[in-house]
Amino acid sequence: MECVRSDVSVRPMTASDAEAVLAIYQAGLDAGDASFETIAPTWPVFHAARLADHRFVAVDGGGTVLGWVAVSPTSARAVYAGVVEHSVYVDPAARGRGVARLLLDALIASTEAAGIWTIQSGVFPENTASLALHRRAGFRVIGTRERVGRHHGRWRDVLLLERRSAVID
């Protein structure tokens, strides 16, 4: 799976991307509106928690990683085999260049090819850029988990988003 723009391409994530992926992840966490997590995991933990066939990085012409997208299973139950939860992160210096949309498009193509019918995510309501990106990519808000967790000393809501495939029956 490879999506290409004139200055950015998307390719499968490999272990050699670990340092850049985790640095981008930490930058997103440091910004405060990306996740309840505050510290990026180690590569072995990151790797073990995400499905290998649906992890991608966006790179510039020089091979610098600009962002990443990956999915985790939502449940071990067979009935949920077609449902995944995703995360997408872009280096702060690369935002506004369409990197996240390229990553989401690659993820959608990959998951649909594998028979996955639902991609979901939780997004803080304050993360308006992420919400707009997801709406443009066909996600919809299906609910709000009010005051679901504390983050930096305050209760946070999480909007539940999902994208149902139009091609998987």
N, C-alpha and C. Protein backbone atom coordinates (compact mmCIF):
# COMPACT_ATOMS: atom_id res chain seq x y z
N MET A 1 0.86 -1.17 0.00
CA MET A 1 0.00 0.00 0.00
C MET A 1 0.89 1.22 0.00
N GLU A 2 0.82 2.02 -1.06
CA GLU A 2 1.60 3.26 -1.09
C GLU A 2 0.77 4.35 -1.73
N CYS A 3 0.57 5.43 -0.99
CA CYS A 3 -0.11 6.63 -1.49
C CYS A 3 0.98 7.67 -1.68
N VAL A 4 0.88 8.42 -2.77
CA VAL A 4 1.93 9.39 -3.07
C VAL A 4 1.31 10.74 -3.44
N ARG A 5 1.88 11.80 -2.91
CA ARG A 5 1.65 13.17 -3.34
C ARG A 5 2.97 13.63 -3.90
N SER A 6 3.01 14.76 -4.53
CA SER A 6 4.26 15.18 -5.15
C SER A 6 5.42 15.28 -4.15
N ASP A 7 5.14 15.69 -2.92
CA ASP A 7 6.22 15.88 -1.95
C ASP A 7 6.17 14.93 -0.76
N VAL A 8 5.13 14.10 -0.68
CA VAL A 8 4.95 13.19 0.45
C VAL A 8 4.46 11.85 -0.08
N SER A 9 5.01 10.77 0.48
CA SER A 9 4.50 9.44 0.15
C SER A 9 4.20 8.69 1.44
N VAL A 10 3.35 7.69 1.33
CA VAL A 10 2.96 6.87 2.47
C VAL A 10 3.41 5.45 2.18
N ARG A 11 4.07 4.85 3.18
CA ARG A 11 4.55 3.48 3.03
C ARG A 11 4.33 2.73 4.34
N PRO A 12 4.43 1.41 4.32
CA PRO A 12 4.30 0.65 5.57
C PRO A 12 5.35 1.06 6.59
N MET A 13 4.95 1.09 7.84
CA MET A 13 5.84 1.41 8.95
C MET A 13 6.74 0.20 9.21
N THR A 14 8.01 0.46 9.50
CA THR A 14 8.95 -0.60 9.85
C THR A 14 9.63 -0.26 11.18
N ALA A 15 10.34 -1.22 11.71
CA ALA A 15 11.06 -0.99 12.97
C ALA A 15 12.08 0.12 12.83
N SER A 16 12.59 0.35 11.64
CA SER A 16 13.56 1.43 11.46
C SER A 16 12.93 2.82 11.63
N ASP A 17 11.60 2.88 11.63
CA ASP A 17 10.88 4.14 11.84
C ASP A 17 10.61 4.43 13.31
N ALA A 18 10.97 3.50 14.18
CA ALA A 18 10.59 3.57 15.59
C ALA A 18 10.92 4.91 16.24
N GLU A 19 12.14 5.36 16.12
CA GLU A 19 12.56 6.59 16.80
C GLU A 19 11.71 7.78 16.34
N ALA A 20 11.52 7.92 15.03
CA ALA A 20 10.74 9.05 14.51
C ALA A 20 9.27 8.93 14.89
N VAL A 21 8.71 7.73 14.78
CA VAL A 21 7.30 7.52 15.13
C VAL A 21 7.05 7.87 16.59
N LEU A 22 7.91 7.38 17.48
CA LEU A 22 7.70 7.65 18.90
C LEU A 22 7.95 9.12 19.25
N ALA A 23 8.85 9.78 18.55
CA ALA A 23 9.08 11.22 18.77
C ALA A 23 7.85 12.03 18.33
N ILE A 24 7.26 11.67 17.20
CA ILE A 24 6.05 12.36 16.73
C ILE A 24 4.90 12.09 17.69
N TYR A 25 4.80 10.86 18.15
CA TYR A 25 3.78 10.51 19.13
C TYR A 25 3.94 11.37 20.38
N GLN A 26 5.16 11.47 20.90
CA GLN A 26 5.40 12.25 22.11
C GLN A 26 5.09 13.73 21.89
N ALA A 27 5.41 14.27 20.73
CA ALA A 27 5.09 15.67 20.43
C ALA A 27 3.57 15.88 20.47
N GLY A 28 2.81 14.93 19.94
CA GLY A 28 1.35 15.03 20.01
C GLY A 28 0.85 14.96 21.44
N LEU A 29 1.42 14.07 22.22
CA LEU A 29 1.02 13.96 23.62
C LEU A 29 1.36 15.23 24.39
N ASP A 30 2.54 15.80 24.10
CA ASP A 30 2.97 17.02 24.79
C ASP A 30 2.05 18.21 24.49
N ALA A 31 1.41 18.20 23.33
CA ALA A 31 0.52 19.31 22.96
C ALA A 31 -0.74 19.32 23.82
N GLY A 32 -1.12 18.18 24.40
CA GLY A 32 -2.18 18.15 25.39
C GLY A 32 -3.57 17.77 24.95
N ASP A 33 -3.86 17.72 23.65
CA ASP A 33 -5.22 17.39 23.21
C ASP A 33 -5.27 16.16 22.31
N ALA A 34 -4.29 15.29 22.42
CA ALA A 34 -4.26 14.12 21.55
C ALA A 34 -4.70 12.84 22.23
N SER A 35 -4.44 12.69 23.53
CA SER A 35 -4.66 11.41 24.19
C SER A 35 -4.61 11.61 25.69
N PHE A 36 -5.19 10.64 26.41
CA PHE A 36 -5.01 10.62 27.85
C PHE A 36 -3.59 10.21 28.23
N GLU A 37 -2.90 9.53 27.33
CA GLU A 37 -1.52 9.15 27.58
C GLU A 37 -0.67 10.41 27.69
N THR A 38 0.41 10.33 28.46
CA THR A 38 1.31 11.46 28.59
C THR A 38 2.72 11.13 28.15
N ILE A 39 3.03 9.84 28.06
CA ILE A 39 4.36 9.39 27.64
C ILE A 39 4.20 8.31 26.58
N ALA A 40 4.88 8.51 25.46
CA ALA A 40 4.84 7.50 24.39
C ALA A 40 5.43 6.19 24.91
N PRO A 41 4.90 5.07 24.47
CA PRO A 41 5.42 3.79 24.93
C PRO A 41 6.78 3.48 24.29
N THR A 42 7.39 2.42 24.76
CA THR A 42 8.59 1.93 24.10
C THR A 42 8.18 1.29 22.78
N TRP A 43 9.15 1.09 21.89
CA TRP A 43 8.83 0.47 20.61
C TRP A 43 8.24 -0.93 20.78
N PRO A 44 8.78 -1.80 21.64
CA PRO A 44 8.17 -3.13 21.78
C PRO A 44 6.70 -3.06 22.22
N VAL A 45 6.36 -2.15 23.10
CA VAL A 45 4.97 -2.00 23.55
C VAL A 45 4.11 -1.46 22.40
N PHE A 46 4.60 -0.44 21.72
CA PHE A 46 3.89 0.12 20.57
C PHE A 46 3.64 -0.96 19.52
N HIS A 47 4.69 -1.67 19.16
CA HIS A 47 4.64 -2.71 18.13
C HIS A 47 3.64 -3.81 18.50
N ALA A 48 3.66 -4.26 19.74
CA ALA A 48 2.79 -5.36 20.17
C ALA A 48 1.32 -4.97 20.18
N ALA A 49 1.02 -3.70 20.38
CA ALA A 49 -0.37 -3.26 20.53
C ALA A 49 -1.06 -2.92 19.22
N ARG A 50 -0.32 -2.88 18.09
CA ARG A 50 -0.89 -2.43 16.83
C ARG A 50 -0.75 -3.50 15.76
N LEU A 51 -1.78 -3.57 14.90
CA LEU A 51 -1.79 -4.58 13.84
C LEU A 51 -0.75 -4.24 12.78
N ALA A 52 0.15 -5.16 12.53
CA ALA A 52 1.29 -4.92 11.63
C ALA A 52 0.87 -4.57 10.21
N ASP A 53 -0.23 -5.12 9.74
CA ASP A 53 -0.64 -4.88 8.35
C ASP A 53 -1.29 -3.52 8.12
N HIS A 54 -1.52 -2.79 9.18
CA HIS A 54 -2.24 -1.51 9.06
C HIS A 54 -1.52 -0.40 9.82
N ARG A 55 -0.20 -0.32 9.59
CA ARG A 55 0.63 0.73 10.18
C ARG A 55 1.40 1.39 9.05
N PHE A 56 1.26 2.70 8.96
CA PHE A 56 1.88 3.43 7.85
C PHE A 56 2.57 4.69 8.36
N VAL A 57 3.58 5.11 7.60
CA VAL A 57 4.23 6.39 7.85
C VAL A 57 4.17 7.22 6.57
N ALA A 58 4.10 8.52 6.75
CA ALA A 58 4.23 9.46 5.64
C ALA A 58 5.66 9.99 5.68
N VAL A 59 6.30 10.02 4.52
CA VAL A 59 7.68 10.49 4.45
C VAL A 59 7.81 11.53 3.35
N ASP A 60 8.78 12.45 3.53
CA ASP A 60 9.07 13.42 2.48
C ASP A 60 10.06 12.81 1.49
N GLY A 61 10.44 13.57 0.49
CA GLY A 61 11.35 13.08 -0.54
C GLY A 61 12.69 12.61 -0.02
N GLY A 62 13.11 13.12 1.12
CA GLY A 62 14.38 12.70 1.72
C GLY A 62 14.24 11.53 2.68
N GLY A 63 13.02 11.03 2.84
CA GLY A 63 12.79 9.89 3.72
C GLY A 63 12.49 10.24 5.16
N THR A 64 12.36 11.53 5.47
CA THR A 64 12.04 11.95 6.83
C THR A 64 10.58 11.61 7.14
N VAL A 65 10.37 10.96 8.27
CA VAL A 65 9.01 10.60 8.68
C VAL A 65 8.28 11.86 9.14
N LEU A 66 7.11 12.10 8.53
CA LEU A 66 6.30 13.28 8.82
C LEU A 66 5.10 12.97 9.70
N GLY A 67 4.70 11.70 9.72
CA GLY A 67 3.53 11.31 10.49
C GLY A 67 3.31 9.82 10.40
N TRP A 68 2.35 9.35 11.19
CA TRP A 68 2.06 7.92 11.19
C TRP A 68 0.59 7.67 11.50
N VAL A 69 0.13 6.49 11.11
CA VAL A 69 -1.21 6.02 11.44
C VAL A 69 -1.10 4.53 11.74
N ALA A 70 -1.90 4.06 12.69
CA ALA A 70 -1.87 2.65 13.06
C ALA A 70 -3.20 2.29 13.71
N VAL A 71 -3.50 1.00 13.71
CA VAL A 71 -4.73 0.52 14.35
C VAL A 71 -4.42 -0.56 15.37
N SER A 72 -5.35 -0.66 16.31
CA SER A 72 -5.35 -1.71 17.31
C SER A 72 -6.70 -2.41 17.25
N PRO A 73 -6.72 -3.69 17.55
CA PRO A 73 -8.02 -4.37 17.62
C PRO A 73 -8.83 -3.80 18.78
N THR A 74 -10.15 -3.76 18.64
CA THR A 74 -10.99 -3.26 19.73
C THR A 74 -11.37 -4.37 20.70
N SER A 75 -11.28 -5.61 20.25
CA SER A 75 -11.67 -6.75 21.08
C SER A 75 -11.05 -8.02 20.52
N ALA A 76 -10.84 -9.00 21.37
CA ALA A 76 -10.36 -10.31 20.92
C ALA A 76 -11.51 -11.20 20.47
N ARG A 77 -12.75 -10.78 20.70
CA ARG A 77 -13.92 -11.57 20.30
C ARG A 77 -14.04 -11.58 18.78
N ALA A 78 -14.32 -12.73 18.23
CA ALA A 78 -14.40 -12.90 16.78
C ALA A 78 -15.41 -11.97 16.12
N VAL A 79 -16.49 -11.68 16.78
CA VAL A 79 -17.53 -10.82 16.20
C VAL A 79 -17.00 -9.42 15.90
N TYR A 80 -15.95 -9.00 16.61
CA TYR A 80 -15.39 -7.67 16.41
C TYR A 80 -14.13 -7.68 15.55
N ALA A 81 -13.90 -8.74 14.82
CA ALA A 81 -12.68 -8.84 13.99
C ALA A 81 -12.62 -7.75 12.93
N GLY A 82 -13.74 -7.21 12.55
CA GLY A 82 -13.79 -6.17 11.53
C GLY A 82 -13.86 -4.76 12.08
N VAL A 83 -13.52 -4.60 13.35
CA VAL A 83 -13.58 -3.29 14.00
C VAL A 83 -12.22 -3.00 14.61
N VAL A 84 -11.66 -1.84 14.27
CA VAL A 84 -10.37 -1.44 14.81
C VAL A 84 -10.45 -0.01 15.32
N GLU A 85 -9.51 0.33 16.19
CA GLU A 85 -9.38 1.70 16.68
C GLU A 85 -8.07 2.26 16.15
N HIS A 86 -8.11 3.46 15.64
CA HIS A 86 -6.90 4.02 15.03
C HIS A 86 -6.40 5.25 15.77
N SER A 87 -5.13 5.54 15.49
CA SER A 87 -4.49 6.78 15.92
C SER A 87 -3.74 7.33 14.72
N VAL A 88 -3.74 8.65 14.59
CA VAL A 88 -2.98 9.31 13.53
C VAL A 88 -2.29 10.53 14.15
N TYR A 89 -0.99 10.64 13.90
CA TYR A 89 -0.18 11.72 14.46
C TYR A 89 0.71 12.28 13.36
N VAL A 90 0.86 13.61 13.35
CA VAL A 90 1.70 14.29 12.37
C VAL A 90 2.69 15.19 13.12
N ASP A 91 3.93 15.19 12.65
CA ASP A 91 4.95 16.06 13.22
C ASP A 91 4.44 17.50 13.17
N PRO A 92 4.58 18.25 14.27
CA PRO A 92 4.10 19.63 14.27
C PRO A 92 4.61 20.46 13.09
N ALA A 93 5.83 20.22 12.65
CA ALA A 93 6.40 20.98 11.53
C ALA A 93 5.78 20.61 10.19
N ALA A 94 5.05 19.51 10.12
CA ALA A 94 4.47 19.05 8.85
C ALA A 94 2.96 19.24 8.80
N ARG A 95 2.38 19.82 9.82
CA ARG A 95 0.92 20.00 9.83
C ARG A 95 0.49 21.00 8.78
N GLY A 96 -0.73 20.80 8.28
CA GLY A 96 -1.29 21.69 7.27
C GLY A 96 -0.87 21.35 5.85
N ARG A 97 -0.21 20.24 5.66
CA ARG A 97 0.28 19.83 4.33
C ARG A 97 -0.51 18.65 3.76
N GLY A 98 -1.57 18.22 4.44
CA GLY A 98 -2.36 17.09 3.96
C GLY A 98 -1.79 15.74 4.34
N VAL A 99 -0.81 15.71 5.24
CA VAL A 99 -0.17 14.46 5.64
C VAL A 99 -1.15 13.53 6.33
N ALA A 100 -1.92 14.05 7.27
CA ALA A 100 -2.86 13.20 8.01
C ALA A 100 -3.91 12.60 7.07
N ARG A 101 -4.35 13.37 6.11
CA ARG A 101 -5.37 12.84 5.18
C ARG A 101 -4.78 11.73 4.31
N LEU A 102 -3.55 11.90 3.85
CA LEU A 102 -2.89 10.82 3.10
C LEU A 102 -2.78 9.56 3.95
N LEU A 103 -2.42 9.73 5.20
CA LEU A 103 -2.32 8.58 6.10
C LEU A 103 -3.67 7.90 6.31
N LEU A 104 -4.71 8.69 6.55
CA LEU A 104 -6.04 8.11 6.73
C LEU A 104 -6.51 7.40 5.46
N ASP A 105 -6.26 8.00 4.30
CA ASP A 105 -6.66 7.36 3.04
C ASP A 105 -5.97 6.01 2.86
N ALA A 106 -4.67 5.94 3.19
CA ALA A 106 -3.94 4.67 3.10
C ALA A 106 -4.51 3.66 4.08
N LEU A 107 -4.83 4.11 5.28
CA LEU A 107 -5.40 3.22 6.29
C LEU A 107 -6.76 2.69 5.85
N ILE A 108 -7.59 3.55 5.34
CA ILE A 108 -8.92 3.13 4.89
C ILE A 108 -8.81 2.09 3.78
N ALA A 109 -7.95 2.34 2.81
CA ALA A 109 -7.75 1.38 1.73
C ALA A 109 -7.24 0.04 2.26
N SER A 110 -6.30 0.09 3.17
CA SER A 110 -5.71 -1.12 3.74
C SER A 110 -6.73 -1.92 4.53
N THR A 111 -7.46 -1.25 5.39
CA THR A 111 -8.42 -1.97 6.23
C THR A 111 -9.57 -2.52 5.41
N GLU A 112 -10.06 -1.76 4.44
CA GLU A 112 -11.14 -2.28 3.59
C GLU A 112 -10.68 -3.48 2.79
N ALA A 113 -9.45 -3.45 2.29
CA ALA A 113 -8.91 -4.60 1.54
C ALA A 113 -8.83 -5.84 2.43
N ALA A 114 -8.70 -5.64 3.73
CA ALA A 114 -8.61 -6.75 4.68
C ALA A 114 -9.97 -7.15 5.26
N GLY A 115 -11.05 -6.51 4.79
CA GLY A 115 -12.38 -6.87 5.27
C GLY A 115 -12.79 -6.20 6.57
N ILE A 116 -12.07 -5.18 6.96
CA ILE A 116 -12.41 -4.43 8.18
C ILE A 116 -13.48 -3.41 7.82
N TRP A 117 -14.60 -3.46 8.53
CA TRP A 117 -15.75 -2.63 8.18
C TRP A 117 -15.91 -1.38 9.04
N THR A 118 -15.23 -1.29 10.17
CA THR A 118 -15.38 -0.11 11.01
C THR A 118 -14.03 0.31 11.57
N ILE A 119 -13.73 1.59 11.40
CA ILE A 119 -12.57 2.22 12.04
C ILE A 119 -13.15 3.21 13.03
N GLN A 120 -12.69 3.13 14.26
CA GLN A 120 -13.20 4.06 15.27
C GLN A 120 -12.04 4.76 15.97
N SER A 121 -12.40 5.81 16.70
CA SER A 121 -11.41 6.56 17.45
C SER A 121 -12.11 7.40 18.51
N GLY A 122 -11.36 7.80 19.51
CA GLY A 122 -11.85 8.74 20.49
C GLY A 122 -11.03 10.02 20.37
N VAL A 123 -11.72 11.16 20.31
CA VAL A 123 -11.06 12.45 20.12
C VAL A 123 -11.58 13.44 21.14
N PHE A 124 -10.67 14.18 21.76
CA PHE A 124 -11.10 15.24 22.66
C PHE A 124 -11.86 16.29 21.86
N PRO A 125 -12.98 16.83 22.38
CA PRO A 125 -13.74 17.85 21.65
C PRO A 125 -12.91 19.08 21.30
N GLU A 126 -11.90 19.38 22.10
CA GLU A 126 -11.05 20.55 21.85
C GLU A 126 -10.13 20.37 20.66
N ASN A 127 -9.96 19.15 20.20
CA ASN A 127 -9.07 18.86 19.07
C ASN A 127 -9.83 19.08 17.76
N THR A 128 -10.13 20.33 17.49
CA THR A 128 -10.99 20.67 16.35
C THR A 128 -10.35 20.32 15.00
N ALA A 129 -9.03 20.40 14.90
CA ALA A 129 -8.37 20.05 13.64
C ALA A 129 -8.55 18.56 13.35
N SER A 130 -8.42 17.72 14.37
CA SER A 130 -8.60 16.29 14.18
C SER A 130 -10.05 15.97 13.83
N LEU A 131 -10.98 16.63 14.49
CA LEU A 131 -12.40 16.40 14.19
C LEU A 131 -12.72 16.78 12.75
N ALA A 132 -12.21 17.90 12.28
CA ALA A 132 -12.46 18.32 10.89
C ALA A 132 -11.83 17.34 9.91
N LEU A 133 -10.62 16.91 10.17
CA LEU A 133 -9.95 15.92 9.32
C LEU A 133 -10.79 14.65 9.23
N HIS A 134 -11.23 14.15 10.36
CA HIS A 134 -12.00 12.90 10.37
C HIS A 134 -13.34 13.05 9.65
N ARG A 135 -14.00 14.18 9.82
CA ARG A 135 -15.27 14.40 9.09
C ARG A 135 -15.01 14.35 7.58
N ARG A 136 -13.95 15.00 7.12
CA ARG A 136 -13.64 15.00 5.69
C ARG A 136 -13.31 13.60 5.18
N ALA A 137 -12.82 12.74 6.05
CA ALA A 137 -12.47 11.38 5.66
C ALA A 137 -13.64 10.40 5.84
N GLY A 138 -14.81 10.91 6.17
CA GLY A 138 -16.00 10.06 6.25
C GLY A 138 -16.33 9.53 7.64
N PHE A 139 -15.67 10.04 8.67
CA PHE A 139 -16.00 9.64 10.04
C PHE A 139 -17.18 10.48 10.53
N ARG A 140 -17.92 9.93 11.48
CA ARG A 140 -19.00 10.68 12.11
C ARG A 140 -18.92 10.50 13.61
N VAL A 141 -19.40 11.49 14.33
CA VAL A 141 -19.46 11.40 15.79
C VAL A 141 -20.67 10.54 16.13
N ILE A 142 -20.43 9.48 16.92
CA ILE A 142 -21.54 8.60 17.30
C ILE A 142 -21.93 8.75 18.77
N GLY A 143 -21.17 9.53 19.51
CA GLY A 143 -21.51 9.74 20.92
C GLY A 143 -20.43 10.49 21.66
N THR A 144 -20.76 10.83 22.88
CA THR A 144 -19.82 11.52 23.76
C THR A 144 -19.71 10.75 25.06
N ARG A 145 -18.49 10.47 25.45
CA ARG A 145 -18.23 9.90 26.77
C ARG A 145 -17.87 11.09 27.67
N GLU A 146 -18.81 11.48 28.51
CA GLU A 146 -18.64 12.67 29.33
C GLU A 146 -17.77 12.38 30.54
N ARG A 147 -16.81 13.27 30.76
CA ARG A 147 -15.94 13.18 31.94
C ARG A 147 -15.45 11.75 32.13
N VAL A 148 -14.95 11.16 31.07
CA VAL A 148 -14.55 9.75 31.10
C VAL A 148 -13.22 9.52 31.78
N GLY A 149 -12.38 10.54 31.84
CA GLY A 149 -11.08 10.37 32.49
C GLY A 149 -10.46 11.71 32.85
N ARG A 150 -9.53 11.65 33.77
CA ARG A 150 -8.80 12.86 34.17
C ARG A 150 -7.51 12.95 33.37
N HIS A 151 -7.21 14.16 32.95
CA HIS A 151 -6.03 14.41 32.13
C HIS A 151 -5.44 15.73 32.59
N HIS A 152 -4.21 15.70 33.05
CA HIS A 152 -3.56 16.90 33.58
C HIS A 152 -4.43 17.60 34.62
N GLY A 153 -5.04 16.79 35.49
CA GLY A 153 -5.78 17.33 36.63
C GLY A 153 -7.21 17.76 36.35
N ARG A 154 -7.72 17.52 35.15
CA ARG A 154 -9.11 17.90 34.89
C ARG A 154 -9.83 16.80 34.14
N TRP A 155 -11.14 16.75 34.35
CA TRP A 155 -11.97 15.76 33.67
C TRP A 155 -12.08 16.12 32.20
N ARG A 156 -12.01 15.11 31.34
CA ARG A 156 -12.11 15.33 29.90
C ARG A 156 -13.23 14.48 29.30
N ASP A 157 -13.93 15.06 28.34
CA ASP A 157 -14.88 14.32 27.51
C ASP A 157 -14.12 13.74 26.33
N VAL A 158 -14.68 12.70 25.74
CA VAL A 158 -14.14 12.11 24.52
C VAL A 158 -15.29 11.88 23.55
N LEU A 159 -15.13 12.39 22.33
CA LEU A 159 -16.10 12.12 21.28
C LEU A 159 -15.73 10.81 20.61
N LEU A 160 -16.70 9.92 20.45
CA LEU A 160 -16.47 8.65 19.77
C LEU A 160 -16.78 8.84 18.29
N LEU A 161 -15.80 8.54 17.46
CA LEU A 161 -15.96 8.66 16.01
C LEU A 161 -15.88 7.28 15.39
N GLU A 162 -16.60 7.12 14.28
CA GLU A 162 -16.46 5.88 13.52
C GLU A 162 -16.64 6.17 12.05
N ARG A 163 -16.01 5.31 11.28
CA ARG A 163 -16.17 5.31 9.82
C ARG A 163 -16.56 3.90 9.44
N ARG A 164 -17.76 3.76 8.90
CA ARG A 164 -18.23 2.46 8.43
C ARG A 164 -17.93 2.37 6.94
N SER A 165 -17.37 1.26 6.54
CA SER A 165 -17.02 1.07 5.14
C SER A 165 -18.28 0.98 4.29
N ALA A 166 -18.23 1.62 3.15
CA ALA A 166 -19.33 1.53 2.18
C ALA A 166 -19.16 0.33 1.25
N VAL A 167 -18.01 -0.33 1.33
CA VAL A 167 -17.76 -1.44 0.40
C VAL A 167 -17.75 -2.81 1.06
N ILE A 168 -17.77 -2.86 2.39
CA ILE A 168 -17.80 -4.14 3.09
C ILE A 168 -19.26 -4.41 3.48
N ASP A 169 -19.77 -5.57 3.07
CA ASP A 169 -21.17 -5.93 3.40
C ASP A 169 -21.27 -6.50 4.79
